[in-house]
Amino acid sequence: MGEITAAHLIFIPATMLVGLIIGWILGSRAARDAYAAELRRREERANRDKGRLKAEG
């Protein structure tokens, strides 16, 4: 039960690599979505400010 086989030398690093790849993919998607949301917010804010300036002027 306490023996470490050669399979551990393959299985554990492979599992960690798969987790790293999945984390990389999910993290990049989340970052891309957050960046797109920030751009939308900035664009909406700029359009709102433009409308306010036209109404005042």
N, C-alpha and C. Protein backbone atom coordinates (compact mmCIF):
# COMPACT_ATOMS: atom_id res chain seq x y z
N MET A 1 0.82 -1.20 0.00
CA MET A 1 0.00 0.00 0.00
C MET A 1 0.86 1.25 0.00
N GLY A 2 1.96 1.24 0.67
CA GLY A 2 2.80 2.42 0.75
C GLY A 2 3.82 2.52 -0.36
N GLU A 3 3.77 1.61 -1.31
CA GLU A 3 4.76 1.62 -2.39
C GLU A 3 4.42 2.67 -3.44
N ILE A 4 5.42 3.34 -3.91
CA ILE A 4 5.25 4.29 -5.00
C ILE A 4 5.74 3.62 -6.26
N THR A 5 4.84 3.48 -7.22
CA THR A 5 5.20 2.79 -8.46
C THR A 5 5.67 3.80 -9.50
N ALA A 6 6.16 3.27 -10.59
CA ALA A 6 6.61 4.13 -11.69
C ALA A 6 5.44 4.90 -12.31
N ALA A 7 4.24 4.37 -12.16
CA ALA A 7 3.06 5.06 -12.70
C ALA A 7 2.87 6.42 -12.04
N HIS A 8 3.27 6.55 -10.78
CA HIS A 8 3.15 7.84 -10.11
C HIS A 8 4.02 8.90 -10.77
N LEU A 9 5.16 8.49 -11.27
CA LEU A 9 6.07 9.43 -11.92
C LEU A 9 5.50 9.97 -13.23
N ILE A 10 4.55 9.25 -13.80
CA ILE A 10 3.89 9.70 -15.02
C ILE A 10 2.54 10.33 -14.70
N PHE A 11 1.76 9.69 -13.84
CA PHE A 11 0.39 10.12 -13.59
C PHE A 11 0.33 11.49 -12.90
N ILE A 12 1.13 11.70 -11.86
CA ILE A 12 1.05 12.95 -11.11
C ILE A 12 1.46 14.15 -11.96
N PRO A 13 2.60 14.14 -12.65
CA PRO A 13 2.92 15.29 -13.51
C PRO A 13 1.93 15.47 -14.65
N ALA A 14 1.43 14.37 -15.20
CA ALA A 14 0.44 14.49 -16.29
C ALA A 14 -0.84 15.14 -15.79
N THR A 15 -1.27 14.77 -14.59
CA THR A 15 -2.46 15.37 -14.01
C THR A 15 -2.25 16.86 -13.76
N MET A 16 -1.09 17.20 -13.26
CA MET A 16 -0.79 18.62 -13.02
C MET A 16 -0.74 19.40 -14.33
N LEU A 17 -0.19 18.79 -15.37
CA LEU A 17 -0.12 19.45 -16.67
C LEU A 17 -1.51 19.68 -17.26
N VAL A 18 -2.37 18.69 -17.15
CA VAL A 18 -3.74 18.84 -17.63
C VAL A 18 -4.45 19.96 -16.86
N GLY A 19 -4.27 20.00 -15.55
CA GLY A 19 -4.86 21.07 -14.75
C GLY A 19 -4.34 22.43 -15.13
N LEU A 20 -3.06 22.52 -15.41
CA LEU A 20 -2.46 23.78 -15.83
C LEU A 20 -3.04 24.24 -17.16
N ILE A 21 -3.19 23.32 -18.08
CA ILE A 21 -3.74 23.67 -19.40
C ILE A 21 -5.19 24.13 -19.28
N ILE A 22 -5.99 23.40 -18.51
CA ILE A 22 -7.39 23.79 -18.32
C ILE A 22 -7.48 25.15 -17.64
N GLY A 23 -6.66 25.38 -16.63
CA GLY A 23 -6.64 26.68 -15.96
C GLY A 23 -6.23 27.80 -16.88
N TRP A 24 -5.26 27.54 -17.75
CA TRP A 24 -4.80 28.54 -18.71
C TRP A 24 -5.94 28.91 -19.66
N ILE A 25 -6.64 27.91 -20.16
CA ILE A 25 -7.74 28.16 -21.10
C ILE A 25 -8.86 28.95 -20.42
N LEU A 26 -9.29 28.48 -19.24
CA LEU A 26 -10.38 29.17 -18.55
C LEU A 26 -9.97 30.58 -18.13
N GLY A 27 -8.74 30.74 -17.68
CA GLY A 27 -8.27 32.06 -17.27
C GLY A 27 -8.18 33.02 -18.43
N SER A 28 -7.73 32.55 -19.59
CA SER A 28 -7.64 33.44 -20.74
C SER A 28 -9.03 33.84 -21.23
N ARG A 29 -9.98 32.94 -21.15
CA ARG A 29 -11.36 33.29 -21.52
C ARG A 29 -11.92 34.34 -20.57
N ALA A 30 -11.69 34.17 -19.29
CA ALA A 30 -12.19 35.12 -18.30
C ALA A 30 -11.55 36.49 -18.50
N ALA A 31 -10.26 36.52 -18.77
CA ALA A 31 -9.58 37.78 -19.00
C ALA A 31 -10.10 38.46 -20.26
N ARG A 32 -10.31 37.69 -21.32
CA ARG A 32 -10.83 38.26 -22.56
C ARG A 32 -12.23 38.82 -22.36
N ASP A 33 -13.08 38.11 -21.62
CA ASP A 33 -14.43 38.60 -21.35
C ASP A 33 -14.41 39.86 -20.49
N ALA A 34 -13.53 39.90 -19.49
CA ALA A 34 -13.44 41.08 -18.64
C ALA A 34 -12.95 42.28 -19.44
N TYR A 35 -12.00 42.07 -20.33
CA TYR A 35 -11.50 43.15 -21.17
C TYR A 35 -12.60 43.68 -22.09
N ALA A 36 -13.36 42.78 -22.69
CA ALA A 36 -14.46 43.19 -23.57
C ALA A 36 -15.53 43.96 -22.79
N ALA A 37 -15.83 43.52 -21.58
CA ALA A 37 -16.82 44.23 -20.75
C ALA A 37 -16.34 45.63 -20.41
N GLU A 38 -15.05 45.76 -20.11
CA GLU A 38 -14.49 47.08 -19.79
C GLU A 38 -14.56 48.00 -21.00
N LEU A 39 -14.27 47.48 -22.18
CA LEU A 39 -14.37 48.29 -23.39
C LEU A 39 -15.81 48.75 -23.63
N ARG A 40 -16.77 47.84 -23.41
CA ARG A 40 -18.18 48.22 -23.57
C ARG A 40 -18.57 49.32 -22.58
N ARG A 41 -18.11 49.18 -21.33
CA ARG A 41 -18.43 50.20 -20.33
C ARG A 41 -17.84 51.54 -20.72
N ARG A 42 -16.61 51.54 -21.19
CA ARG A 42 -15.98 52.81 -21.59
C ARG A 42 -16.71 53.44 -22.77
N GLU A 43 -17.12 52.60 -23.73
CA GLU A 43 -17.84 53.11 -24.89
C GLU A 43 -19.19 53.68 -24.49
N GLU A 44 -19.92 52.98 -23.62
CA GLU A 44 -21.21 53.49 -23.15
C GLU A 44 -21.05 54.80 -22.39
N ARG A 45 -20.02 54.87 -21.57
CA ARG A 45 -19.76 56.09 -20.80
C ARG A 45 -19.44 57.25 -21.74
N ALA A 46 -18.64 57.00 -22.78
CA ALA A 46 -18.28 58.04 -23.73
C ALA A 46 -19.52 58.51 -24.49
N ASN A 47 -20.38 57.57 -24.89
CA ASN A 47 -21.60 57.95 -25.61
C ASN A 47 -22.54 58.76 -24.71
N ARG A 48 -22.61 58.38 -23.43
CA ARG A 48 -23.45 59.12 -22.49
C ARG A 48 -22.93 60.54 -22.31
N ASP A 49 -21.62 60.68 -22.19
CA ASP A 49 -21.03 62.01 -22.02
C ASP A 49 -21.22 62.86 -23.26
N LYS A 50 -21.15 62.25 -24.44
CA LYS A 50 -21.39 62.98 -25.68
C LYS A 50 -22.82 63.52 -25.71
N GLY A 51 -23.77 62.68 -25.33
CA GLY A 51 -25.17 63.10 -25.32
C GLY A 51 -25.41 64.21 -24.33
N ARG A 52 -24.75 64.17 -23.19
CA ARG A 52 -24.89 65.21 -22.18
C ARG A 52 -24.32 66.53 -22.69
N LEU A 53 -23.19 66.48 -23.39
CA LEU A 53 -22.57 67.69 -23.91
C LEU A 53 -23.45 68.33 -24.99
N LYS A 54 -24.08 67.50 -25.84
CA LYS A 54 -24.95 68.04 -26.88
C LYS A 54 -26.18 68.70 -26.25
N ALA A 55 -26.71 68.10 -25.19
CA ALA A 55 -27.90 68.65 -24.54
C ALA A 55 -27.57 69.98 -23.86
N GLU A 56 -26.38 70.12 -23.32
CA GLU A 56 -26.00 71.34 -22.62
C GLU A 56 -25.65 72.45 -23.62
N GLY A 57 -25.06 72.07 -24.75
CA GLY A 57 -24.53 73.06 -25.69
C GLY A 57 -25.53 73.51 -26.65
